């Protein structure tokens, strides 16, 4: 019986040197991750954005996008403790981004169901939301679903109020 691999000849075999190519760059992973996030393909977005953060852990914008992807389009108070810990880790890793701080405030507000007791966000949060770029505010609105939470509503009003 002939071994089916005996039919290969040297010209049919291609050797690939993986030592010089380690996969997509951090920027490519981040770009593909954001695209997947916008299309609500959360699993793919998480994988791509985690690859990007592994390569560039100080990229705060990627950390913010990863936090949104980890929420998987559902309200923060419906997340597992592990998912919330990961989201909080991402927002904490991006302290200079107003959108990450606003997302952290939204998560805290929604998980604690604070919005049921306090119908408007504190003035400091309202000021923070005013600093969030409209495209980032739109991402939070699109991927958290925290309707009724004051931070969410402030971000939605930011989106409706015009571009920055």
N, C-alpha and C. Protein backbone atom coordinates (compact mmCIF):
# COMPACT_ATOMS: atom_id res chain seq x y z
N UNK A 1 0.84 -1.18 0.00
CA UNK A 1 0.00 0.00 0.00
C UNK A 1 0.88 1.25 0.00
N UNK A 2 0.59 2.13 -0.90
CA UNK A 2 1.39 3.35 -1.05
C UNK A 2 1.01 4.36 0.02
N UNK A 3 2.00 4.99 0.57
CA UNK A 3 1.79 6.07 1.52
C UNK A 3 1.41 7.31 0.71
N UNK A 4 0.28 7.91 1.02
CA UNK A 4 -0.18 9.06 0.22
C UNK A 4 0.76 10.25 0.30
N UNK A 5 1.63 10.29 1.29
CA UNK A 5 2.57 11.40 1.41
C UNK A 5 3.81 11.19 0.55
N UNK A 6 3.99 9.98 0.02
CA UNK A 6 5.13 9.71 -0.84
C UNK A 6 5.02 10.44 -2.17
N UNK A 7 3.84 10.87 -2.53
CA UNK A 7 3.63 11.54 -3.81
C UNK A 7 4.13 12.98 -3.82
N UNK A 8 4.38 13.55 -2.66
CA UNK A 8 4.89 14.91 -2.62
C UNK A 8 6.31 14.95 -3.13
N UNK A 9 6.59 15.94 -3.90
CA UNK A 9 7.96 16.15 -4.35
C UNK A 9 8.43 17.47 -3.77
N UNK A 10 9.68 17.72 -3.87
CA UNK A 10 10.27 18.90 -3.24
C UNK A 10 9.62 20.19 -3.70
N UNK A 11 9.20 20.28 -4.94
CA UNK A 11 8.61 21.52 -5.42
C UNK A 11 7.22 21.76 -4.82
N UNK A 12 6.56 20.75 -4.28
CA UNK A 12 5.23 20.90 -3.69
C UNK A 12 5.27 21.34 -2.23
N UNK A 13 6.44 21.31 -1.66
CA UNK A 13 6.56 21.63 -0.23
C UNK A 13 7.09 23.04 -0.09
N UNK A 14 6.42 23.83 0.70
CA UNK A 14 6.87 25.20 0.95
C UNK A 14 7.15 25.33 2.44
N UNK A 15 8.33 25.81 2.76
CA UNK A 15 8.70 26.01 4.14
C UNK A 15 8.44 27.47 4.50
N UNK A 16 7.86 27.66 5.65
CA UNK A 16 7.54 29.01 6.10
C UNK A 16 8.37 29.30 7.34
N UNK A 17 9.05 30.40 7.30
CA UNK A 17 9.84 30.83 8.46
C UNK A 17 8.98 31.77 9.29
N UNK A 18 8.44 31.27 10.39
CA UNK A 18 7.58 32.08 11.25
C UNK A 18 8.35 32.98 12.21
N UNK A 19 9.65 32.88 12.20
CA UNK A 19 10.41 33.68 13.15
C UNK A 19 10.40 35.17 12.80
N UNK A 20 10.12 35.51 11.54
CA UNK A 20 10.12 36.91 11.16
C UNK A 20 8.72 37.51 11.09
N UNK A 21 7.70 36.67 11.18
CA UNK A 21 6.33 37.17 11.10
C UNK A 21 5.52 36.57 12.24
N UNK A 22 5.13 37.39 13.18
CA UNK A 22 4.44 36.88 14.35
C UNK A 22 2.94 37.13 14.31
N UNK A 23 2.39 37.52 13.18
CA UNK A 23 0.95 37.76 13.09
C UNK A 23 0.67 39.23 12.85
N UNK A 24 -0.60 39.60 12.98
CA UNK A 24 -0.96 41.00 12.71
C UNK A 24 -0.35 41.94 13.75
N UNK A 25 -0.12 43.15 13.33
CA UNK A 25 0.42 44.14 14.25
C UNK A 25 -0.64 44.55 15.26
N UNK A 26 -0.21 45.22 16.30
CA UNK A 26 -1.16 45.70 17.32
C UNK A 26 -2.18 46.64 16.68
N UNK A 27 -1.71 47.49 15.78
CA UNK A 27 -2.63 48.43 15.12
C UNK A 27 -3.66 47.70 14.27
N UNK A 28 -3.23 46.66 13.55
CA UNK A 28 -4.17 45.88 12.74
C UNK A 28 -5.17 45.16 13.63
N UNK A 29 -4.69 44.56 14.71
CA UNK A 29 -5.58 43.87 15.65
C UNK A 29 -6.59 44.83 16.24
N UNK A 30 -6.13 46.02 16.61
CA UNK A 30 -7.02 47.03 17.18
C UNK A 30 -8.07 47.47 16.16
N UNK A 31 -7.63 47.68 14.93
CA UNK A 31 -8.56 48.11 13.88
C UNK A 31 -9.61 47.04 13.60
N UNK A 32 -9.16 45.78 13.50
CA UNK A 32 -10.10 44.68 13.26
C UNK A 32 -11.01 44.47 14.47
N UNK A 33 -10.47 44.66 15.66
CA UNK A 33 -11.27 44.52 16.88
C UNK A 33 -12.36 45.57 16.96
N UNK A 34 -12.03 46.81 16.63
CA UNK A 34 -13.02 47.88 16.64
C UNK A 34 -14.10 47.64 15.59
N UNK A 35 -13.68 47.16 14.43
CA UNK A 35 -14.64 46.83 13.37
C UNK A 35 -15.60 45.74 13.84
N UNK A 36 -15.06 44.70 14.47
CA UNK A 36 -15.91 43.62 14.99
C UNK A 36 -16.84 44.13 16.08
N UNK A 37 -16.34 45.02 16.93
CA UNK A 37 -17.18 45.61 17.98
C UNK A 37 -18.35 46.36 17.36
N UNK A 38 -18.07 47.18 16.38
CA UNK A 38 -19.13 47.95 15.72
C UNK A 38 -20.17 47.05 15.07
N UNK A 39 -19.74 45.87 14.63
CA UNK A 39 -20.66 44.91 14.00
C UNK A 39 -21.27 43.95 15.02
N UNK A 40 -21.00 44.20 16.30
CA UNK A 40 -21.54 43.38 17.40
C UNK A 40 -21.08 41.93 17.36
N UNK A 41 -19.91 41.71 16.82
CA UNK A 41 -19.28 40.39 16.86
C UNK A 41 -18.33 40.40 18.05
N UNK A 42 -18.90 40.25 19.23
CA UNK A 42 -18.16 40.50 20.47
C UNK A 42 -17.03 39.51 20.71
N UNK A 43 -17.23 38.24 20.41
CA UNK A 43 -16.17 37.25 20.61
C UNK A 43 -14.93 37.60 19.80
N UNK A 44 -15.13 37.90 18.53
CA UNK A 44 -14.00 38.27 17.67
C UNK A 44 -13.38 39.59 18.15
N UNK A 45 -14.21 40.54 18.53
CA UNK A 45 -13.70 41.82 19.01
C UNK A 45 -12.82 41.62 20.23
N UNK A 46 -13.28 40.78 21.15
CA UNK A 46 -12.50 40.53 22.36
C UNK A 46 -11.15 39.91 22.00
N UNK A 47 -11.15 38.90 21.16
CA UNK A 47 -9.89 38.25 20.77
C UNK A 47 -8.93 39.24 20.13
N UNK A 48 -9.42 40.01 19.18
CA UNK A 48 -8.56 40.96 18.47
C UNK A 48 -8.03 42.05 19.40
N UNK A 49 -8.92 42.57 20.24
CA UNK A 49 -8.51 43.65 21.14
C UNK A 49 -7.58 43.14 22.24
N UNK A 50 -7.76 41.91 22.68
CA UNK A 50 -6.82 41.33 23.65
C UNK A 50 -5.45 41.16 23.01
N UNK A 51 -5.42 40.75 21.74
CA UNK A 51 -4.14 40.65 21.03
C UNK A 51 -3.46 42.02 20.98
N UNK A 52 -4.25 43.04 20.68
CA UNK A 52 -3.69 44.39 20.59
C UNK A 52 -3.18 44.88 21.94
N UNK A 53 -3.92 44.60 23.01
CA UNK A 53 -3.47 45.05 24.34
C UNK A 53 -2.27 44.26 24.81
N UNK A 54 -2.16 43.00 24.39
CA UNK A 54 -0.97 42.22 24.75
C UNK A 54 0.28 42.82 24.11
N UNK A 55 0.12 43.29 22.88
CA UNK A 55 1.25 43.90 22.17
C UNK A 55 1.51 45.33 22.61
N UNK A 56 0.46 46.07 22.91
CA UNK A 56 0.57 47.48 23.31
C UNK A 56 -0.30 47.74 24.55
N UNK A 57 0.15 47.32 25.74
CA UNK A 57 -0.70 47.46 26.92
C UNK A 57 -0.99 48.91 27.33
N UNK A 58 -0.23 49.85 26.83
CA UNK A 58 -0.45 51.25 27.20
C UNK A 58 -1.35 51.99 26.22
N UNK A 59 -1.95 51.29 25.27
CA UNK A 59 -2.87 51.93 24.33
C UNK A 59 -4.24 52.03 25.01
N UNK A 60 -4.52 53.19 25.54
CA UNK A 60 -5.72 53.39 26.35
C UNK A 60 -7.00 53.29 25.52
N UNK A 61 -6.95 53.69 24.27
CA UNK A 61 -8.14 53.60 23.42
C UNK A 61 -8.52 52.13 23.21
N UNK A 62 -7.53 51.28 23.03
CA UNK A 62 -7.81 49.85 22.85
C UNK A 62 -8.37 49.27 24.15
N UNK A 63 -7.85 49.70 25.29
CA UNK A 63 -8.38 49.23 26.58
C UNK A 63 -9.86 49.61 26.70
N UNK A 64 -10.20 50.82 26.30
CA UNK A 64 -11.59 51.27 26.34
C UNK A 64 -12.47 50.41 25.44
N UNK A 65 -12.01 50.16 24.22
CA UNK A 65 -12.78 49.33 23.29
C UNK A 65 -12.93 47.90 23.81
N UNK A 66 -11.88 47.38 24.43
CA UNK A 66 -11.95 46.03 25.00
C UNK A 66 -12.98 45.99 26.13
N UNK A 67 -13.02 47.02 26.96
CA UNK A 67 -14.01 47.07 28.04
C UNK A 67 -15.43 47.00 27.46
N UNK A 68 -15.68 47.73 26.40
CA UNK A 68 -17.00 47.70 25.77
C UNK A 68 -17.30 46.31 25.19
N UNK A 69 -16.32 45.71 24.54
CA UNK A 69 -16.53 44.38 23.96
C UNK A 69 -16.83 43.36 25.05
N UNK A 70 -16.16 43.48 26.18
CA UNK A 70 -16.38 42.53 27.28
C UNK A 70 -17.80 42.61 27.84
N UNK A 71 -18.45 43.73 27.68
CA UNK A 71 -19.84 43.85 28.12
C UNK A 71 -20.80 43.12 27.18
N UNK A 72 -20.34 42.82 25.98
CA UNK A 72 -21.10 42.03 25.00
C UNK A 72 -22.49 42.57 24.72
N UNK A 73 -22.62 43.90 24.76
CA UNK A 73 -23.88 44.52 24.37
C UNK A 73 -24.99 44.42 25.40
N UNK A 74 -24.67 44.03 26.62
CA UNK A 74 -25.70 43.92 27.65
C UNK A 74 -25.40 44.84 28.83
N UNK A 75 -26.41 45.10 29.61
CA UNK A 75 -26.27 45.98 30.76
C UNK A 75 -25.20 45.45 31.70
N UNK A 76 -24.44 46.36 32.30
CA UNK A 76 -23.40 45.91 33.24
C UNK A 76 -23.94 45.07 34.40
N UNK A 77 -25.10 45.41 34.94
CA UNK A 77 -25.57 44.65 36.11
C UNK A 77 -25.99 43.22 35.76
N UNK A 78 -25.99 42.87 34.51
CA UNK A 78 -26.29 41.49 34.09
C UNK A 78 -25.03 40.68 33.80
N UNK A 79 -23.89 41.26 34.06
CA UNK A 79 -22.62 40.59 33.80
C UNK A 79 -22.17 39.75 35.00
N UNK A 80 -21.32 38.77 34.72
CA UNK A 80 -20.73 37.98 35.80
C UNK A 80 -19.68 38.82 36.53
N UNK A 81 -19.33 38.38 37.70
CA UNK A 81 -18.28 39.09 38.46
C UNK A 81 -16.96 39.10 37.71
N UNK A 82 -16.66 37.99 37.06
CA UNK A 82 -15.40 37.91 36.30
C UNK A 82 -15.41 38.91 35.14
N UNK A 83 -16.52 38.99 34.43
CA UNK A 83 -16.60 39.94 33.32
C UNK A 83 -16.49 41.37 33.83
N UNK A 84 -17.16 41.66 34.94
CA UNK A 84 -17.09 43.01 35.51
C UNK A 84 -15.67 43.34 35.96
N UNK A 85 -14.98 42.37 36.54
CA UNK A 85 -13.60 42.60 36.96
C UNK A 85 -12.72 42.92 35.75
N UNK A 86 -12.94 42.21 34.65
CA UNK A 86 -12.17 42.47 33.43
C UNK A 86 -12.48 43.85 32.87
N UNK A 87 -13.76 44.22 32.87
CA UNK A 87 -14.17 45.55 32.38
C UNK A 87 -13.54 46.63 33.25
N UNK A 88 -13.61 46.46 34.56
CA UNK A 88 -13.03 47.44 35.47
C UNK A 88 -11.51 47.55 35.29
N UNK A 89 -10.88 46.41 35.04
CA UNK A 89 -9.44 46.43 34.78
C UNK A 89 -9.09 47.23 33.54
N UNK A 90 -9.88 47.07 32.50
CA UNK A 90 -9.65 47.82 31.26
C UNK A 90 -9.87 49.31 31.46
N UNK A 91 -10.94 49.68 32.14
CA UNK A 91 -11.20 51.12 32.33
C UNK A 91 -10.16 51.73 33.26
N UNK A 92 -9.69 50.96 34.23
CA UNK A 92 -8.65 51.47 35.13
C UNK A 92 -7.32 51.63 34.39
N UNK A 93 -7.11 50.84 33.35
CA UNK A 93 -5.87 50.92 32.57
C UNK A 93 -5.87 52.11 31.62
N UNK A 94 -6.99 52.83 31.54
CA UNK A 94 -7.10 53.99 30.63
C UNK A 94 -7.55 55.22 31.41
N UNK A 95 -6.81 55.61 32.45
CA UNK A 95 -7.28 56.69 33.33
C UNK A 95 -7.34 58.07 32.68
N UNK A 96 -6.63 58.26 31.59
CA UNK A 96 -6.61 59.58 30.96
C UNK A 96 -7.73 59.79 29.94
N UNK A 97 -8.51 58.75 29.67
CA UNK A 97 -9.59 58.88 28.70
C UNK A 97 -10.91 59.19 29.40
N UNK A 98 -11.53 60.31 29.07
CA UNK A 98 -12.83 60.62 29.68
C UNK A 98 -13.87 59.54 29.39
N UNK A 99 -13.80 58.94 28.19
CA UNK A 99 -14.78 57.91 27.86
C UNK A 99 -14.61 56.66 28.71
N UNK A 100 -13.36 56.32 29.07
CA UNK A 100 -13.14 55.17 29.95
C UNK A 100 -13.64 55.48 31.36
N UNK A 101 -13.40 56.70 31.82
CA UNK A 101 -13.89 57.08 33.15
C UNK A 101 -15.42 57.13 33.17
N UNK A 102 -16.02 57.61 32.08
CA UNK A 102 -17.49 57.64 32.00
C UNK A 102 -18.05 56.21 31.96
N UNK A 103 -17.39 55.32 31.24
CA UNK A 103 -17.83 53.93 31.21
C UNK A 103 -17.70 53.30 32.60
N UNK A 104 -16.61 53.59 33.29
CA UNK A 104 -16.44 53.07 34.66
C UNK A 104 -17.56 53.59 35.57
N UNK A 105 -17.92 54.86 35.42
CA UNK A 105 -19.02 55.42 36.22
C UNK A 105 -20.34 54.75 35.87
N UNK A 106 -20.56 54.50 34.59
CA UNK A 106 -21.79 53.83 34.15
C UNK A 106 -21.86 52.43 34.73
N UNK A 107 -20.75 51.70 34.68
CA UNK A 107 -20.71 50.34 35.22
C UNK A 107 -21.01 50.36 36.72
N UNK A 108 -20.35 51.24 37.45
CA UNK A 108 -20.59 51.33 38.90
C UNK A 108 -22.04 51.69 39.19
N UNK A 109 -22.56 52.63 38.45
CA UNK A 109 -23.94 53.08 38.64
C UNK A 109 -24.93 51.95 38.34
N UNK A 110 -24.71 51.23 37.25
CA UNK A 110 -25.67 50.20 36.85
C UNK A 110 -25.56 48.96 37.74
N UNK A 111 -24.35 48.55 38.08
CA UNK A 111 -24.18 47.37 38.92
C UNK A 111 -24.78 47.60 40.30
N UNK A 112 -24.58 48.79 40.85
CA UNK A 112 -25.15 49.11 42.15
C UNK A 112 -26.60 49.53 42.10
N UNK A 113 -27.16 49.56 40.89
CA UNK A 113 -28.53 50.03 40.66
C UNK A 113 -28.77 51.40 41.31
N UNK A 114 -27.71 52.19 41.32
CA UNK A 114 -27.77 53.54 41.90
C UNK A 114 -28.77 54.40 41.14
N UNK A 115 -28.92 54.14 39.86
CA UNK A 115 -29.81 54.94 39.03
C UNK A 115 -31.26 54.87 39.49
N UNK A 116 -31.59 53.83 40.25
CA UNK A 116 -32.96 53.75 40.76
C UNK A 116 -33.18 54.72 41.92
N UNK A 117 -32.09 55.06 42.62
CA UNK A 117 -32.19 55.96 43.77
C UNK A 117 -31.84 57.40 43.42
N UNK A 118 -31.00 57.60 42.40
CA UNK A 118 -30.55 58.93 42.03
C UNK A 118 -30.84 59.15 40.55
N UNK A 119 -31.86 59.93 40.23
CA UNK A 119 -32.27 60.06 38.82
C UNK A 119 -31.32 60.86 37.95
N UNK A 120 -30.42 61.62 38.53
CA UNK A 120 -29.46 62.39 37.72
C UNK A 120 -28.06 62.10 38.22
N UNK A 121 -27.10 62.13 37.32
CA UNK A 121 -25.72 61.89 37.76
C UNK A 121 -25.20 63.06 38.57
N UNK A 122 -24.24 62.82 39.45
CA UNK A 122 -23.64 63.92 40.18
C UNK A 122 -22.99 64.91 39.22
N UNK A 123 -22.83 66.16 39.63
CA UNK A 123 -22.24 67.18 38.73
C UNK A 123 -20.88 66.78 38.16
N UNK A 124 -20.08 66.08 38.94
CA UNK A 124 -18.75 65.70 38.45
C UNK A 124 -18.88 64.73 37.26
N UNK A 125 -19.88 63.85 37.30
CA UNK A 125 -20.09 62.92 36.19
C UNK A 125 -20.64 63.66 34.97
N UNK A 126 -21.53 64.61 35.20
CA UNK A 126 -22.05 65.41 34.09
C UNK A 126 -20.92 66.16 33.39
N UNK A 127 -19.99 66.69 34.17
CA UNK A 127 -18.84 67.39 33.59
C UNK A 127 -17.95 66.41 32.82
N UNK A 128 -17.79 65.22 33.37
CA UNK A 128 -16.98 64.20 32.69
C UNK A 128 -17.60 63.82 31.34
N UNK A 129 -18.91 63.62 31.32
CA UNK A 129 -19.60 63.25 30.08
C UNK A 129 -19.42 64.35 29.02
N UNK A 130 -19.37 65.58 29.45
CA UNK A 130 -19.18 66.69 28.50
C UNK A 130 -17.83 66.61 27.80
N UNK A 131 -16.85 65.92 28.43
CA UNK A 131 -15.52 65.77 27.82
C UNK A 131 -15.39 64.55 26.92
N UNK A 132 -16.40 63.69 26.92
CA UNK A 132 -16.34 62.47 26.11
C UNK A 132 -16.60 62.82 24.64
N UNK A 133 -15.68 62.42 23.75
CA UNK A 133 -15.93 62.66 22.32
C UNK A 133 -17.22 61.95 21.88
N UNK A 134 -17.96 62.58 21.02
CA UNK A 134 -19.24 62.05 20.58
C UNK A 134 -19.12 60.63 20.01
N UNK A 135 -18.14 60.32 19.16
CA UNK A 135 -18.06 58.94 18.65
C UNK A 135 -17.88 57.91 19.77
N UNK A 136 -17.12 58.26 20.80
CA UNK A 136 -16.94 57.34 21.92
C UNK A 136 -18.21 57.23 22.73
N UNK A 137 -18.90 58.34 22.92
CA UNK A 137 -20.19 58.31 23.63
C UNK A 137 -21.17 57.42 22.87
N UNK A 138 -21.15 57.51 21.56
CA UNK A 138 -22.04 56.68 20.74
C UNK A 138 -21.71 55.20 20.90
N UNK A 139 -20.43 54.85 20.98
CA UNK A 139 -20.04 53.46 21.20
C UNK A 139 -20.59 52.94 22.52
N UNK A 140 -20.48 53.75 23.57
CA UNK A 140 -21.00 53.33 24.88
C UNK A 140 -22.51 53.13 24.81
N UNK A 141 -23.19 54.07 24.20
CA UNK A 141 -24.65 53.96 24.07
C UNK A 141 -25.02 52.71 23.27
N UNK A 142 -24.29 52.46 22.19
CA UNK A 142 -24.61 51.32 21.33
C UNK A 142 -24.33 49.97 21.97
N UNK A 143 -23.38 49.91 22.90
CA UNK A 143 -22.91 48.60 23.38
C UNK A 143 -23.10 48.35 24.87
N UNK A 144 -23.90 49.17 25.55
CA UNK A 144 -24.14 48.90 26.97
C UNK A 144 -25.61 48.65 27.28
N UNK A 145 -26.50 49.26 26.57
CA UNK A 145 -27.92 49.03 26.78
C UNK A 145 -28.44 49.39 28.15
N UNK A 146 -27.82 50.34 28.81
CA UNK A 146 -28.20 50.71 30.17
C UNK A 146 -29.23 51.83 30.18
N UNK A 147 -30.28 51.65 29.42
CA UNK A 147 -31.34 52.66 29.31
C UNK A 147 -31.89 52.97 30.69
N UNK A 148 -32.03 54.26 30.96
CA UNK A 148 -32.57 54.71 32.24
C UNK A 148 -31.50 55.09 33.24
N UNK A 149 -30.30 54.56 33.09
CA UNK A 149 -29.20 54.94 33.99
C UNK A 149 -28.78 56.37 33.64
N UNK A 150 -28.63 57.25 34.62
CA UNK A 150 -28.32 58.65 34.33
C UNK A 150 -27.05 58.87 33.50
N UNK A 151 -25.99 58.10 33.77
CA UNK A 151 -24.77 58.27 32.97
C UNK A 151 -25.04 57.88 31.52
N UNK A 152 -25.74 56.79 31.31
CA UNK A 152 -26.11 56.36 29.97
C UNK A 152 -26.94 57.45 29.28
N UNK A 153 -27.93 57.95 29.99
CA UNK A 153 -28.80 58.98 29.40
C UNK A 153 -28.02 60.26 29.10
N UNK A 154 -27.07 60.60 29.95
CA UNK A 154 -26.24 61.78 29.69
C UNK A 154 -25.38 61.56 28.44
N UNK A 155 -24.84 60.34 28.29
CA UNK A 155 -24.06 60.03 27.09
C UNK A 155 -24.94 60.04 25.85
N UNK A 156 -26.14 59.53 25.97
CA UNK A 156 -27.06 59.54 24.82
C UNK A 156 -27.42 60.98 24.44
N UNK A 157 -27.65 61.83 25.45
CA UNK A 157 -27.93 63.24 25.18
C UNK A 157 -26.71 63.91 24.51
N UNK A 158 -25.52 63.48 24.92
CA UNK A 158 -24.28 64.02 24.31
C UNK A 158 -24.27 63.68 22.83
N UNK A 159 -24.67 62.47 22.50
CA UNK A 159 -24.70 62.05 21.09
C UNK A 159 -25.75 62.85 20.31
N UNK A 160 -26.89 63.07 20.93
CA UNK A 160 -27.97 63.79 20.27
C UNK A 160 -27.69 65.28 20.18
N UNK A 161 -26.78 65.78 21.02
CA UNK A 161 -26.51 67.22 21.09
C UNK A 161 -25.56 67.74 20.03
N UNK A 162 -24.97 66.88 19.26
CA UNK A 162 -24.08 67.37 18.20
C UNK A 162 -22.68 66.88 18.38
N UNK A 163 -21.93 66.96 17.31
CA UNK A 163 -20.56 66.47 17.30
C UNK A 163 -19.62 67.45 17.96
N UNK A 164 -18.50 66.91 18.35
CA UNK A 164 -17.47 67.70 19.01
C UNK A 164 -16.25 67.71 18.15
